[in-house]
Amino acid sequence: MGSFAWFLLAFLFPLTLVKDVNLLCHGDLTDGFIPVPLNESNYHKLWPYNLPLSDCYSFTDGVRKLWVYSTDKSHSHSSTTKPRTEISISLIDDGYTYASGMWQFERQAYVPNGTSGVCIMQIFCSPNADGGATTLMLRVYDGALKYYQQQTVEDNIYDQWFKVNVIHDTAAKVVKVFINSALKLTVNNRGGSIHSFKFGVYTQNNSSCYMESCWKGIKVLKFV
């Protein structure tokens, strides 16, 4: 093969990988994605069943604030899970199914000092191979954002807005997390067939008494 042919191959081969989420760390993370239209009906809220929503959620000037106490009830009489105030983004009624392709969740997040032992974002899924219900959890422990209770994704997140992009390639079974546009986590997903993005505060082990997170600029995008 001549030198020009090798040059052409070396130039064109990377272009065949544009759908690979590995390349999305360069430039705008939303390149190649289109936003899915969202309205208030897409934001399915879960909160302690014995409280009015206004006691644990507010939406003011584009900022969604969610909070919960470790002593609160679960989100339903029948649930045995820990207290939460969460929003699940539901797309099925709009004709979208987060079951195939590449999806992205983009938003700005804020966690106040003292909030700990809580999941602030997750990819919920139908039961996975381990019998669990998530393929990703981002939790806060003492100011560090963690993958479940394991790998640290970002240190010192308290009292500041930070940008979070989560990209899930269902075909490759890979999830990537970017903080302020920098790649911070790459993991295999945990299975499950139909997924949804959730955010807010969901009590985990060793939690603080009060937990809060705030969100703005929320987008869900699909790769085309």
Protein backbone atom coordinates (compact mmCIF):
# COMPACT_ATOMS: atom_id res chain seq x y z
CA MET A 1 0.00 0.00 0.00
CA GLY A 2 1.40 3.38 -0.98
CA SER A 3 2.17 6.17 1.43
CA PHE A 4 -0.81 8.22 0.22
CA ALA A 5 -3.16 5.29 0.80
CA TRP A 6 -1.83 4.87 4.34
CA PHE A 7 -2.30 8.58 4.94
CA LEU A 8 -5.88 8.43 3.66
CA LEU A 9 -6.65 5.42 5.83
CA ALA A 10 -5.17 7.10 8.89
CA PHE A 11 -7.29 10.18 8.19
CA LEU A 12 -10.57 8.43 7.48
CA PHE A 13 -10.51 5.69 10.10
CA PRO A 14 -11.10 8.02 13.07
CA LEU A 15 -14.09 9.48 11.27
CA THR A 16 -15.78 6.10 11.36
CA LEU A 17 -15.70 6.31 15.13
CA VAL A 18 -17.70 9.52 15.58
CA LYS A 19 -20.50 7.55 17.15
CA ASP A 20 -18.08 6.19 19.73
CA VAL A 21 -18.68 7.94 23.02
CA ASN A 22 -14.90 7.96 23.60
CA LEU A 23 -14.58 10.83 21.13
CA LEU A 24 -17.22 12.93 22.76
CA CYS A 25 -14.74 14.27 25.28
CA HIS A 26 -13.48 16.64 22.59
CA GLY A 27 -15.37 19.82 21.82
CA ASP A 28 -19.06 20.19 22.55
CA LEU A 29 -20.34 17.07 24.30
CA THR A 30 -23.72 17.50 22.63
CA ASP A 31 -22.36 17.41 19.07
CA GLY A 32 -24.33 14.80 17.13
CA PHE A 33 -27.14 14.78 19.71
CA ILE A 34 -30.56 16.35 19.41
CA PRO A 35 -32.53 17.58 22.43
CA VAL A 36 -35.68 15.73 23.34
CA PRO A 37 -38.50 18.23 23.99
CA LEU A 38 -39.36 18.37 27.69
CA ASN A 39 -42.31 19.91 29.46
CA GLU A 40 -43.54 19.68 33.02
CA SER A 41 -45.45 16.47 32.32
CA ASN A 42 -42.11 14.73 31.67
CA TYR A 43 -40.95 15.41 35.24
CA HIS A 44 -42.45 12.62 37.33
CA LYS A 45 -41.96 13.52 40.99
CA LEU A 46 -41.47 11.16 43.94
CA TRP A 47 -41.55 12.48 47.52
CA PRO A 48 -42.51 11.36 51.06
CA TYR A 49 -46.09 10.20 50.81
CA ASN A 50 -47.27 11.96 53.98
CA LEU A 51 -46.06 15.42 52.94
CA PRO A 52 -47.29 17.99 50.45
CA LEU A 53 -44.89 18.43 47.56
CA SER A 54 -44.18 22.01 48.62
CA ASP A 55 -42.56 20.68 51.81
CA CYS A 56 -39.72 19.07 49.87
CA TYR A 57 -39.63 20.64 46.40
CA SER A 58 -39.59 24.07 44.79
CA PHE A 59 -39.19 25.38 41.25
CA THR A 60 -38.21 29.04 41.16
CA ASP A 61 -36.46 31.08 38.46
CA GLY A 62 -35.52 27.95 36.54
CA VAL A 63 -33.98 26.19 39.56
CA ARG A 64 -35.45 22.93 40.88
CA LYS A 65 -34.64 22.47 44.56
CA LEU A 66 -35.27 19.07 46.13
CA TRP A 67 -34.73 18.17 49.79
CA VAL A 68 -35.50 15.38 52.24
CA TYR A 69 -34.82 14.38 55.84
CA SER A 70 -33.48 10.99 56.83
CA THR A 71 -36.49 10.59 59.13
CA ASP A 72 -39.06 11.19 56.37
CA LYS A 73 -41.36 8.50 55.03
CA SER A 74 -40.78 6.68 51.79
CA HIS A 75 -42.51 7.82 48.58
CA SER A 76 -45.39 5.37 48.95
CA HIS A 77 -47.13 3.39 51.68
CA SER A 78 -45.98 0.11 50.17
CA SER A 79 -42.34 1.02 49.51
CA THR A 80 -39.58 -0.23 51.80
CA THR A 81 -36.96 2.11 50.29
CA LYS A 82 -35.38 5.02 52.12
CA PRO A 83 -36.71 8.59 51.93
CA ARG A 84 -36.34 10.46 48.68
CA THR A 85 -37.42 13.51 46.78
CA GLU A 86 -36.61 12.72 43.19
CA ILE A 87 -37.63 13.50 39.65
CA SER A 88 -37.75 10.76 37.05
CA ILE A 89 -37.77 12.00 33.47
CA SER A 90 -40.46 10.05 31.65
CA LEU A 91 -40.37 10.05 27.84
CA ILE A 92 -42.63 7.12 26.92
CA ASP A 93 -45.78 9.21 26.50
CA ASP A 94 -43.90 11.33 23.96
CA GLY A 95 -42.99 8.33 21.83
CA TYR A 96 -39.39 7.93 23.02
CA THR A 97 -38.00 4.74 24.51
CA TYR A 98 -34.67 4.94 26.30
CA ALA A 99 -33.79 1.34 25.46
CA SER A 100 -31.40 1.58 22.52
CA GLY A 101 -28.98 4.06 21.00
CA MET A 102 -26.96 6.71 22.80
CA TRP A 103 -28.55 9.08 25.33
CA GLN A 104 -27.27 12.04 27.28
CA PHE A 105 -28.41 13.88 30.40
CA GLU A 106 -27.00 17.41 30.79
CA ARG A 107 -27.59 19.85 33.63
CA GLN A 108 -26.08 22.12 36.26
CA ALA A 109 -26.10 20.80 39.83
CA TYR A 110 -25.57 22.33 43.26
CA VAL A 111 -25.13 20.51 46.58
CA PRO A 112 -24.91 22.49 49.84
CA ASN A 113 -22.32 21.77 52.50
CA GLY A 114 -23.47 19.08 54.90
CA THR A 115 -25.48 16.99 52.48
CA SER A 116 -24.01 13.48 52.58
CA GLY A 117 -24.91 9.83 52.17
CA VAL A 118 -27.29 10.53 49.32
CA CYS A 119 -27.76 9.70 45.66
CA ILE A 120 -28.27 12.85 43.61
CA MET A 121 -28.50 11.27 40.15
CA GLN A 122 -29.11 7.79 38.80
CA ILE A 123 -29.91 5.86 35.66
CA PHE A 124 -32.85 3.72 36.66
CA CYS A 125 -33.45 0.51 34.73
CA SER A 126 -35.53 -2.61 34.62
CA PRO A 127 -33.95 -5.30 36.82
CA ASN A 128 -30.34 -5.86 35.84
CA ALA A 129 -28.24 -8.99 35.98
CA ASP A 130 -27.49 -8.39 39.67
CA GLY A 131 -31.16 -7.98 40.51
CA GLY A 132 -30.67 -4.25 41.08
CA ALA A 133 -32.61 -1.37 39.61
CA THR A 134 -29.86 1.04 38.53
CA THR A 135 -27.07 1.08 36.00
CA LEU A 136 -25.50 4.24 37.48
CA MET A 137 -25.66 6.09 40.79
CA LEU A 138 -23.87 9.33 41.59
CA ARG A 139 -23.75 9.77 45.35
CA VAL A 140 -22.38 12.46 47.63
CA TYR A 141 -20.26 11.55 50.66
CA ASP A 142 -18.62 14.35 52.66
CA GLY A 143 -18.30 16.65 49.68
CA ALA A 144 -17.11 14.05 47.18
CA LEU A 145 -19.19 12.88 44.25
CA LYS A 146 -18.86 9.10 43.96
CA TYR A 147 -19.84 6.23 41.71
CA TYR A 148 -22.09 4.39 44.15
CA GLN A 149 -19.86 4.28 47.27
CA GLN A 150 -16.76 3.34 45.33
CA GLN A 151 -14.75 5.43 42.91
CA THR A 152 -14.52 9.19 43.45
CA VAL A 153 -15.82 11.10 40.44
CA GLU A 154 -15.13 14.63 41.71
CA ASP A 155 -13.89 16.06 45.01
CA ASN A 156 -15.06 19.21 46.76
CA ILE A 157 -18.40 19.78 45.06
CA TYR A 158 -20.09 21.62 47.93
CA ASP A 159 -21.55 25.12 47.55
CA GLN A 160 -20.90 25.61 43.84
CA TRP A 161 -22.69 25.02 40.58
CA PHE A 162 -21.06 22.33 38.47
CA LYS A 163 -21.99 20.97 35.06
CA VAL A 164 -22.76 17.28 34.76
CA ASN A 165 -23.07 15.32 31.51
CA VAL A 166 -23.91 11.63 31.61
CA ILE A 167 -23.67 9.76 28.30
CA HIS A 168 -25.02 6.23 28.06
CA ASP A 169 -24.21 4.17 24.98
CA THR A 170 -26.66 1.27 25.30
CA ALA A 171 -25.15 -0.65 22.38
CA ALA A 172 -21.60 -0.50 23.75
CA LYS A 173 -22.97 -0.87 27.31
CA VAL A 174 -20.82 2.01 28.49
CA VAL A 175 -21.64 4.99 30.71
CA LYS A 176 -19.44 8.08 30.84
CA VAL A 177 -19.67 10.94 33.31
CA PHE A 178 -18.24 14.39 32.59
CA ILE A 179 -17.88 17.13 35.21
CA ASN A 180 -17.48 20.63 33.82
CA SER A 181 -16.87 19.02 30.41
CA ALA A 182 -13.96 16.87 31.66
CA LEU A 183 -14.26 13.09 31.50
CA LYS A 184 -14.26 11.76 35.07
CA LEU A 185 -15.75 8.26 34.91
CA THR A 186 -16.07 5.43 32.40
CA VAL A 187 -17.89 2.28 33.51
CA ASN A 188 -19.77 -0.61 32.00
CA ASN A 189 -23.48 -0.43 32.54
CA ARG A 190 -25.16 -2.94 34.83
CA GLY A 191 -27.69 -4.28 32.37
CA GLY A 192 -31.40 -3.64 32.23
CA SER A 193 -33.37 -3.05 29.07
CA ILE A 194 -35.40 0.14 29.57
CA HIS A 195 -33.83 3.11 31.35
CA SER A 196 -34.69 6.54 32.70
CA PHE A 197 -32.74 9.46 34.17
CA LYS A 198 -33.51 10.46 37.76
CA PHE A 199 -32.18 13.28 39.91
CA GLY A 200 -32.78 14.84 43.30
CA VAL A 201 -32.01 13.36 46.74
CA TYR A 202 -32.39 9.68 47.60
CA THR A 203 -31.15 8.63 51.05
CA GLN A 204 -28.31 6.10 51.15
CA ASN A 205 -26.20 4.66 53.95
CA ASN A 206 -24.54 6.94 56.52
CA SER A 207 -26.69 9.87 55.47
CA SER A 208 -26.85 13.33 56.96
CA CYS A 209 -30.09 14.34 58.65
CA TYR A 210 -30.91 16.85 55.90
CA MET A 211 -30.13 16.36 52.21
CA GLU A 212 -30.58 18.82 49.36
CA SER A 213 -29.66 19.28 45.72
CA CYS A 214 -30.54 21.96 43.15
CA TRP A 215 -30.74 21.66 39.37
CA LYS A 216 -31.04 23.92 36.36
CA GLY A 217 -30.55 23.81 32.60
CA ILE A 218 -31.82 20.25 32.37
CA LYS A 219 -31.61 18.58 28.97
CA VAL A 220 -32.11 15.06 27.66
CA LEU A 221 -30.53 14.38 24.28
CA LYS A 222 -30.49 11.49 21.85
CA PHE A 223 -27.70 10.72 19.38
CA VAL A 224 -28.76 10.71 15.72
